[in-house]
Amino acid sequence: MNRDTLQPFSAVTLVMGGAEGYRRVNSVREAAETLLEHWPVEDGEEYVTAVRICLDAMMGVICPEAAREAFIKAAEEAGISLLQ
């Protein structure tokens, strides 16, 4: 199975609190990394869905735009502001 973990998509900029500041995410890999390493909460239905969809997109099962949409929903659920 050939995996392309970068999988670019249209950029999303998160307004993270504290020292994180702004975080620009423009690929499935960056979205997954942000969710797993920099997310303020590790629960919630949209969060879990976004992690799963990002992993599926890295495996080539679904398109990067689906991961972007799930990432945005997870941000909304977590109360993270977006600049698009």
PDB file of N, CA and C in Angstrom:
ATOM      1  N   MET A   1       0.851  -1.168   0.000  1.00  0.00           N
ATOM      2  CA  MET A   1       0.000   0.000   0.000  1.00  0.00           C
ATOM      3  C   MET A   1       0.902   1.238   0.000  1.00  0.00           C
ATOM      4  N   ASN A   2       0.648   2.147  -0.917  1.00  0.00           N
ATOM      5  CA  ASN A   2       1.423   3.372  -1.026  1.00  0.00           C
ATOM      6  C   ASN A   2       0.726   4.485  -0.253  1.00  0.00           C
ATOM      7  N   ARG A   3       1.456   5.059   0.730  1.00  0.00           N
ATOM      8  CA  ARG A   3       0.870   6.120   1.541  1.00  0.00           C
ATOM      9  C   ARG A   3       1.543   7.439   1.226  1.00  0.00           C
ATOM     10  N   ASP A   4       0.753   8.489   1.040  1.00  0.00           N
ATOM     11  CA  ASP A   4       1.248   9.849   0.902  1.00  0.00           C
ATOM     12  C   ASP A   4       0.734  10.606   2.105  1.00  0.00           C
ATOM     13  N   THR A   5       1.543  10.708   3.140  1.00  0.00           N
ATOM     14  CA  THR A   5       1.069  11.289   4.391  1.00  0.00           C
ATOM     15  C   THR A   5       0.954  12.805   4.347  1.00  0.00           C
ATOM     16  N   LEU A   6       1.511  13.460   3.341  1.00  0.00           N
ATOM     17  CA  LEU A   6       1.403  14.911   3.272  1.00  0.00           C
ATOM     18  C   LEU A   6      -0.015  15.316   2.911  1.00  0.00           C
ATOM     19  N   GLN A   7      -0.535  14.867   1.773  1.00  0.00           N
ATOM     20  CA  GLN A   7      -1.900  15.128   1.324  1.00  0.00           C
ATOM     21  C   GLN A   7      -2.316  16.585   1.568  1.00  0.00           C
ATOM     22  N   PRO A   8      -1.851  17.521   0.735  1.00  0.00           N
ATOM     23  CA  PRO A   8      -2.177  18.942   0.942  1.00  0.00           C
ATOM     24  C   PRO A   8      -3.659  19.260   0.741  1.00  0.00           C
ATOM     25  N   PHE A   9      -4.112  20.311   1.429  1.00  0.00           N
ATOM     26  CA  PHE A   9      -5.454  20.856   1.241  1.00  0.00           C
ATOM     27  C   PHE A   9      -5.409  22.363   1.460  1.00  0.00           C
ATOM     28  N   SER A  10      -6.514  23.056   1.197  1.00  0.00           N
ATOM     29  CA  SER A  10      -6.573  24.504   1.392  1.00  0.00           C
ATOM     30  C   SER A  10      -6.293  24.844   2.848  1.00  0.00           C
ATOM     31  N   ALA A  11      -5.432  25.825   3.060  1.00  0.00           N
ATOM     32  CA  ALA A  11      -4.961  26.149   4.409  1.00  0.00           C
ATOM     33  C   ALA A  11      -6.068  26.589   5.350  1.00  0.00           C
ATOM     34  N   VAL A  12      -5.910  26.186   6.600  1.00  0.00           N
ATOM     35  CA  VAL A  12      -6.764  26.601   7.701  1.00  0.00           C
ATOM     36  C   VAL A  12      -5.819  27.171   8.761  1.00  0.00           C
ATOM     37  N   THR A  13      -6.133  28.345   9.293  1.00  0.00           N
ATOM     38  CA  THR A  13      -5.315  28.925  10.358  1.00  0.00           C
ATOM     39  C   THR A  13      -6.126  28.920  11.646  1.00  0.00           C
ATOM     40  N   LEU A  14      -5.558  28.280  12.659  1.00  0.00           N
ATOM     41  CA  LEU A  14      -6.196  28.195  13.965  1.00  0.00           C
ATOM     42  C   LEU A  14      -5.677  29.311  14.850  1.00  0.00           C
ATOM     43  N   VAL A  15      -6.554  29.846  15.663  1.00  0.00           N
ATOM     44  CA  VAL A  15      -6.149  30.824  16.672  1.00  0.00           C
ATOM     45  C   VAL A  15      -6.103  30.058  17.987  1.00  0.00           C
ATOM     46  N   MET A  16      -4.887  29.607  18.333  1.00  0.00           N
ATOM     47  CA  MET A  16      -4.692  28.806  19.534  1.00  0.00           C
ATOM     48  C   MET A  16      -4.424  29.751  20.704  1.00  0.00           C
ATOM     49  N   GLY A  17      -4.814  29.349  21.875  1.00  0.00           N
ATOM     50  CA  GLY A  17      -4.590  30.176  23.051  1.00  0.00           C
ATOM     51  C   GLY A  17      -3.162  30.073  23.564  1.00  0.00           C
ATOM     52  N   GLY A  18      -2.768  31.022  24.369  1.00  0.00           N
ATOM     53  CA  GLY A  18      -1.475  30.992  25.037  1.00  0.00           C
ATOM     54  C   GLY A  18      -0.306  31.090  24.093  1.00  0.00           C
ATOM     55  N   ALA A  19       0.748  30.355  24.383  1.00  0.00           N
ATOM     56  CA  ALA A  19       1.998  30.412  23.622  1.00  0.00           C
ATOM     57  C   ALA A  19       1.865  29.850  22.208  1.00  0.00           C
ATOM     58  N   GLU A  20       0.829  29.063  21.957  1.00  0.00           N
ATOM     59  CA  GLU A  20       0.641  28.478  20.628  1.00  0.00           C
ATOM     60  C   GLU A  20       0.394  29.542  19.572  1.00  0.00           C
ATOM     61  N   GLY A  21      -0.343  30.603  19.913  1.00  0.00           N
ATOM     62  CA  GLY A  21      -0.644  31.665  18.949  1.00  0.00           C
ATOM     63  C   GLY A  21      -1.432  31.149  17.767  1.00  0.00           C
ATOM     64  N   TYR A  22      -0.969  31.508  16.576  1.00  0.00           N
ATOM     65  CA  TYR A  22      -1.614  31.066  15.341  1.00  0.00           C
ATOM     66  C   TYR A  22      -0.919  29.819  14.829  1.00  0.00           C
ATOM     67  N   ARG A  23      -1.703  28.913  14.270  1.00  0.00           N
ATOM     68  CA  ARG A  23      -1.143  27.686  13.699  1.00  0.00           C
ATOM     69  C   ARG A  23      -1.785  27.461  12.335  1.00  0.00           C
ATOM     70  N   ARG A  24      -0.967  27.479  11.291  1.00  0.00           N
ATOM     71  CA  ARG A  24      -1.435  27.263   9.924  1.00  0.00           C
ATOM     72  C   ARG A  24      -1.300  25.784   9.581  1.00  0.00           C
ATOM     73  N   VAL A  25      -2.385  25.206   9.110  1.00  0.00           N
ATOM     74  CA  VAL A  25      -2.435  23.782   8.774  1.00  0.00           C
ATOM     75  C   VAL A  25      -2.877  23.672   7.323  1.00  0.00           C
ATOM     76  N   ASN A  26      -2.048  23.030   6.494  1.00  0.00           N
ATOM     77  CA  ASN A  26      -2.427  22.907   5.081  1.00  0.00           C
ATOM     78  C   ASN A  26      -2.167  21.516   4.509  1.00  0.00           C
ATOM     79  N   SER A  27      -2.169  20.511   5.378  1.00  0.00           N
ATOM     80  CA  SER A  27      -2.048  19.135   4.900  1.00  0.00           C
ATOM     81  C   SER A  27      -2.659  18.180   5.922  1.00  0.00           C
ATOM     82  N   VAL A  28      -2.956  17.004   5.456  1.00  0.00           N
ATOM     83  CA  VAL A  28      -3.510  15.983   6.340  1.00  0.00           C
ATOM     84  C   VAL A  28      -2.504  15.653   7.441  1.00  0.00           C
ATOM     85  N   ARG A  29      -1.243  15.545   7.091  1.00  0.00           N
ATOM     86  CA  ARG A  29      -0.216  15.234   8.092  1.00  0.00           C
ATOM     87  C   ARG A  29      -0.180  16.296   9.180  1.00  0.00           C
ATOM     88  N   GLU A  30      -0.217  17.581   8.789  1.00  0.00           N
ATOM     89  CA  GLU A  30      -0.200  18.666   9.772  1.00  0.00           C
ATOM     90  C   GLU A  30      -1.464  18.658  10.624  1.00  0.00           C
ATOM     91  N   ALA A  31      -2.602  18.332  10.018  1.00  0.00           N
ATOM     92  CA  ALA A  31      -3.849  18.254  10.774  1.00  0.00           C
ATOM     93  C   ALA A  31      -3.769  17.141  11.821  1.00  0.00           C
ATOM     94  N   ALA A  32      -3.293  15.973  11.418  1.00  0.00           N
ATOM     95  CA  ALA A  32      -3.171  14.854  12.351  1.00  0.00           C
ATOM     96  C   ALA A  32      -2.193  15.193  13.476  1.00  0.00           C
ATOM     97  N   GLU A  33      -1.070  15.797  13.131  1.00  0.00           N
ATOM     98  CA  GLU A  33      -0.082  16.188  14.139  1.00  0.00           C
ATOM     99  C   GLU A  33      -0.679  17.197  15.123  1.00  0.00           C
ATOM    100  N   THR A  34      -1.410  18.155  14.603  1.00  0.00           N
ATOM    101  CA  THR A  34      -2.032  19.162  15.459  1.00  0.00           C
ATOM    102  C   THR A  34      -3.051  18.519  16.389  1.00  0.00           C
ATOM    103  N   LEU A  35      -3.874  17.639  15.857  1.00  0.00           N
ATOM    104  CA  LEU A  35      -4.873  16.963  16.678  1.00  0.00           C
ATOM    105  C   LEU A  35      -4.227  16.116  17.773  1.00  0.00           C
ATOM    106  N   LEU A  36      -3.189  15.397  17.436  1.00  0.00           N
ATOM    107  CA  LEU A  36      -2.585  14.455  18.381  1.00  0.00           C
ATOM    108  C   LEU A  36      -1.591  15.086  19.349  1.00  0.00           C
ATOM    109  N   GLU A  37      -0.961  16.186  18.951  1.00  0.00           N
ATOM    110  CA  GLU A  37       0.101  16.748  19.795  1.00  0.00           C
ATOM    111  C   GLU A  37      -0.174  18.141  20.341  1.00  0.00           C
ATOM    112  N   HIS A  38      -1.107  18.880  19.743  1.00  0.00           N
ATOM    113  CA  HIS A  38      -1.292  20.270  20.141  1.00  0.00           C
ATOM    114  C   HIS A  38      -2.735  20.629  20.470  1.00  0.00           C
ATOM    115  N   TRP A  39      -3.614  19.658  20.487  1.00  0.00           N
ATOM    116  CA  TRP A  39      -5.037  19.940  20.681  1.00  0.00           C
ATOM    117  C   TRP A  39      -5.317  20.185  22.155  1.00  0.00           C
ATOM    118  N   PRO A  40      -6.182  21.161  22.477  1.00  0.00           N
ATOM    119  CA  PRO A  40      -6.424  21.486  23.886  1.00  0.00           C
ATOM    120  C   PRO A  40      -7.253  20.441  24.637  1.00  0.00           C
ATOM    121  N   VAL A  41      -8.009  19.619  23.926  1.00  0.00           N
ATOM    122  CA  VAL A  41      -8.809  18.563  24.555  1.00  0.00           C
ATOM    123  C   VAL A  41      -8.627  17.271  23.763  1.00  0.00           C
ATOM    124  N   GLU A  42      -8.747  16.155  24.442  1.00  0.00           N
ATOM    125  CA  GLU A  42      -8.558  14.876  23.762  1.00  0.00           C
ATOM    126  C   GLU A  42      -9.819  14.023  23.794  1.00  0.00           C
ATOM    127  N   ASP A  43     -10.942  14.687  23.756  1.00  0.00           N
ATOM    128  CA  ASP A  43     -12.195  13.947  23.682  1.00  0.00           C
ATOM    129  C   ASP A  43     -13.175  14.751  22.844  1.00  0.00           C
ATOM    130  N   GLY A  44     -14.321  14.225  22.699  1.00  0.00           N
ATOM    131  CA  GLY A  44     -15.332  14.861  21.858  1.00  0.00           C
ATOM    132  C   GLY A  44     -15.528  14.045  20.594  1.00  0.00           C
ATOM    133  N   GLU A  45     -16.757  13.978  20.170  1.00  0.00           N
ATOM    134  CA  GLU A  45     -17.101  13.177  19.000  1.00  0.00           C
ATOM    135  C   GLU A  45     -16.413  13.663  17.730  1.00  0.00           C
ATOM    136  N   GLU A  46     -16.394  14.971  17.511  1.00  0.00           N
ATOM    137  CA  GLU A  46     -15.766  15.524  16.302  1.00  0.00           C
ATOM    138  C   GLU A  46     -14.248  15.330  16.328  1.00  0.00           C
ATOM    139  N   TYR A  47     -13.650  15.421  17.502  1.00  0.00           N
ATOM    140  CA  TYR A  47     -12.205  15.196  17.638  1.00  0.00           C
ATOM    141  C   TYR A  47     -11.855  13.768  17.219  1.00  0.00           C
ATOM    142  N   VAL A  48     -12.553  12.807  17.780  1.00  0.00           N
ATOM    143  CA  VAL A  48     -12.275  11.398  17.466  1.00  0.00           C
ATOM    144  C   VAL A  48     -12.508  11.123  15.982  1.00  0.00           C
ATOM    145  N   THR A  49     -13.578  11.694  15.437  1.00  0.00           N
ATOM    146  CA  THR A  49     -13.861  11.524  14.011  1.00  0.00           C
ATOM    147  C   THR A  49     -12.754  12.131  13.161  1.00  0.00           C
ATOM    148  N   ALA A  50     -12.280  13.323  13.528  1.00  0.00           N
ATOM    149  CA  ALA A  50     -11.222  13.982  12.759  1.00  0.00           C
ATOM    150  C   ALA A  50      -9.930  13.171  12.775  1.00  0.00           C
ATOM    151  N   VAL A  51      -9.570  12.618  13.912  1.00  0.00           N
ATOM    152  CA  VAL A  51      -8.363  11.783  13.982  1.00  0.00           C
ATOM    153  C   VAL A  51      -8.507  10.582  13.053  1.00  0.00           C
ATOM    154  N   ARG A  52      -9.648   9.920  13.121  1.00  0.00           N
ATOM    155  CA  ARG A  52      -9.869   8.733  12.269  1.00  0.00           C
ATOM    156  C   ARG A  52      -9.825   9.099  10.791  1.00  0.00           C
ATOM    157  N   ILE A  53     -10.487  10.199  10.426  1.00  0.00           N
ATOM    158  CA  ILE A  53     -10.528  10.605   9.026  1.00  0.00           C
ATOM    159  C   ILE A  53      -9.145  11.022   8.532  1.00  0.00           C
ATOM    160  N   CYS A  54      -8.374  11.711   9.364  1.00  0.00           N
ATOM    161  CA  CYS A  54      -7.002  12.065   8.965  1.00  0.00           C
ATOM    162  C   CYS A  54      -6.167  10.815   8.705  1.00  0.00           C
ATOM    163  N   LEU A  55      -6.296   9.826   9.561  1.00  0.00           N
ATOM    164  CA  LEU A  55      -5.549   8.581   9.354  1.00  0.00           C
ATOM    165  C   LEU A  55      -6.001   7.885   8.077  1.00  0.00           C
ATOM    166  N   ASP A  56      -7.297   7.873   7.810  1.00  0.00           N
ATOM    167  CA  ASP A  56      -7.807   7.282   6.574  1.00  0.00           C
ATOM    168  C   ASP A  56      -7.283   8.039   5.355  1.00  0.00           C
ATOM    169  N   ALA A  57      -7.231   9.360   5.443  1.00  0.00           N
ATOM    170  CA  ALA A  57      -6.727  10.170   4.321  1.00  0.00           C
ATOM    171  C   ALA A  57      -5.237   9.905   4.087  1.00  0.00           C
ATOM    172  N   MET A  58      -4.464   9.727   5.148  1.00  0.00           N
ATOM    173  CA  MET A  58      -3.048   9.412   4.980  1.00  0.00           C
ATOM    174  C   MET A  58      -2.849   8.059   4.313  1.00  0.00           C
ATOM    175  N   MET A  59      -3.799   7.161   4.523  1.00  0.00           N
ATOM    176  CA  MET A  59      -3.727   5.840   3.898  1.00  0.00           C
ATOM    177  C   MET A  59      -4.292   5.848   2.483  1.00  0.00           C
ATOM    178  N   GLY A  60      -4.852   6.990   2.062  1.00  0.00           N
ATOM    179  CA  GLY A  60      -5.400   7.096   0.719  1.00  0.00           C
ATOM    180  C   GLY A  60      -6.810   6.570   0.563  1.00  0.00           C
ATOM    181  N   VAL A  61      -7.483   6.307   1.674  1.00  0.00           N
ATOM    182  CA  VAL A  61      -8.836   5.762   1.639  1.00  0.00           C
ATOM    183  C   VAL A  61      -9.854   6.847   1.300  1.00  0.00           C
ATOM    184  N   ILE A  62      -9.621   8.062   1.781  1.00  0.00           N
ATOM    185  CA  ILE A  62     -10.522   9.177   1.504  1.00  0.00           C
ATOM    186  C   ILE A  62      -9.701  10.398   1.081  1.00  0.00           C
ATOM    187  N   CYS A  63     -10.377  11.408   0.564  1.00  0.00           N
ATOM    188  CA  CYS A  63      -9.689  12.579   0.018  1.00  0.00           C
ATOM    189  C   CYS A  63      -9.260  13.552   1.129  1.00  0.00           C
ATOM    190  N   PRO A  64      -8.221  14.345   0.861  1.00  0.00           N
ATOM    191  CA  PRO A  64      -7.738  15.322   1.842  1.00  0.00           C
ATOM    192  C   PRO A  64      -8.797  16.339   2.259  1.00  0.00           C
ATOM    193  N   GLU A  65      -9.680  16.728   1.350  1.00  0.00           N
ATOM    194  CA  GLU A  65     -10.701  17.723   1.699  1.00  0.00           C
ATOM    195  C   GLU A  65     -11.662  17.206   2.773  1.00  0.00           C
ATOM    196  N   ALA A  66     -11.907  15.910   2.801  1.00  0.00           N
ATOM    197  CA  ALA A  66     -12.741  15.336   3.860  1.00  0.00           C
ATOM    198  C   ALA A  66     -12.045  15.480   5.215  1.00  0.00           C
ATOM    199  N   ALA A  67     -10.726  15.301   5.214  1.00  0.00           N
ATOM    200  CA  ALA A  67      -9.957  15.487   6.449  1.00  0.00           C
ATOM    201  C   ALA A  67      -9.993  16.947   6.879  1.00  0.00           C
ATOM    202  N   ARG A  68      -9.900  17.858   5.929  1.00  0.00           N
ATOM    203  CA  ARG A  68      -9.956  19.291   6.240  1.00  0.00           C
ATOM    204  C   ARG A  68     -11.300  19.637   6.888  1.00  0.00           C
ATOM    205  N   GLU A  69     -12.382  19.150   6.307  1.00  0.00           N
ATOM    206  CA  GLU A  69     -13.714  19.420   6.853  1.00  0.00           C
ATOM    207  C   GLU A  69     -13.867  18.861   8.263  1.00  0.00           C
ATOM    208  N   ALA A  70     -13.374  17.647   8.490  1.00  0.00           N
ATOM    209  CA  ALA A  70     -13.449  17.043   9.820  1.00  0.00           C
ATOM    210  C   ALA A  70     -12.594  17.818  10.817  1.00  0.00           C
ATOM    211  N   PHE A  71     -11.433  18.295  10.371  1.00  0.00           N
ATOM    212  CA  PHE A  71     -10.539  19.085  11.215  1.00  0.00           C
ATOM    213  C   PHE A  71     -11.232  20.382  11.651  1.00  0.00           C
ATOM    214  N   ILE A  72     -11.908  21.041  10.725  1.00  0.00           N
ATOM    215  CA  ILE A  72     -12.629  22.279  11.028  1.00  0.00           C
ATOM    216  C   ILE A  72     -13.755  22.011  12.033  1.00  0.00           C
ATOM    217  N   LYS A  73     -14.484  20.927  11.861  1.00  0.00           N
ATOM    218  CA  LYS A  73     -15.553  20.580  12.804  1.00  0.00           C
ATOM    219  C   LYS A  73     -14.997  20.317  14.197  1.00  0.00           C
ATOM    220  N   ALA A  74     -13.843  19.651  14.264  1.00  0.00           N
ATOM    221  CA  ALA A  74     -13.212  19.392  15.560  1.00  0.00           C
ATOM    222  C   ALA A  74     -12.776  20.697  16.216  1.00  0.00           C
ATOM    223  N   ALA A  75     -12.271  21.639  15.418  1.00  0.00           N
ATOM    224  CA  ALA A  75     -11.871  22.940  15.960  1.00  0.00           C
ATOM    225  C   ALA A  75     -13.082  23.675  16.516  1.00  0.00           C
ATOM    226  N   GLU A  76     -14.173  23.653  15.789  1.00  0.00           N
ATOM    227  CA  GLU A  76     -15.403  24.306  16.257  1.00  0.00           C
ATOM    228  C   GLU A  76     -15.880  23.674  17.562  1.00  0.00           C
ATOM    229  N   GLU A  77     -15.837  22.344  17.629  1.00  0.00           N
ATOM    230  CA  GLU A  77     -16.239  21.637  18.833  1.00  0.00           C
ATOM    231  C   GLU A  77     -15.376  22.036  20.030  1.00  0.00           C
ATOM    232  N   ALA A  78     -14.075  22.242  19.792  1.00  0.00           N
ATOM    233  CA  ALA A  78     -13.131  22.579  20.869  1.00  0.00           C
ATOM    234  C   ALA A  78     -13.129  24.073  21.195  1.00  0.00           C
ATOM    235  N   GLY A  79     -13.905  24.863  20.446  1.00  0.00           N
ATOM    236  CA  GLY A  79     -13.949  26.294  20.694  1.00  0.00           C
ATOM    237  C   GLY A  79     -12.734  27.049  20.167  1.00  0.00           C
ATOM    238  N   ILE A  80     -12.059  26.479  19.172  1.00  0.00           N
ATOM    239  CA  ILE A  80     -10.885  27.105  18.569  1.00  0.00           C
ATOM    240  C   ILE A  80     -11.349  27.972  17.401  1.00  0.00           C
ATOM    241  N   SER A  81     -10.950  29.226  17.407  1.00  0.00           N
ATOM    242  CA  SER A  81     -11.313  30.136  16.317  1.00  0.00           C
ATOM    243  C   SER A  81     -10.487  29.827  15.076  1.00  0.00           C
ATOM    244  N   LEU A  82     -11.087  30.074  13.915  1.00  0.00           N
ATOM    245  CA  LEU A  82     -10.425  29.802  12.631  1.00  0.00           C
ATOM    246  C   LEU A  82     -10.319  31.065  11.809  1.00  0.00           C
ATOM    247  N   LEU A  83      -9.230  31.202  11.075  1.00  0.00           N
ATOM    248  CA  LEU A  83      -9.062  32.227  10.050  1.00  0.00           C
ATOM    249  C   LEU A  83      -8.938  31.478   8.754  1.00  0.00           C
ATOM    250  N   GLN A  84      -9.822  31.736   7.787  1.00  0.00           N
ATOM    251  CA  GLN A  84      -9.758  31.009   6.523  1.00  0.00           C
ATOM    252  C   GLN A  84      -9.576  31.949   5.363  1.00  0.00           C
TER     253      GLN A  84
END
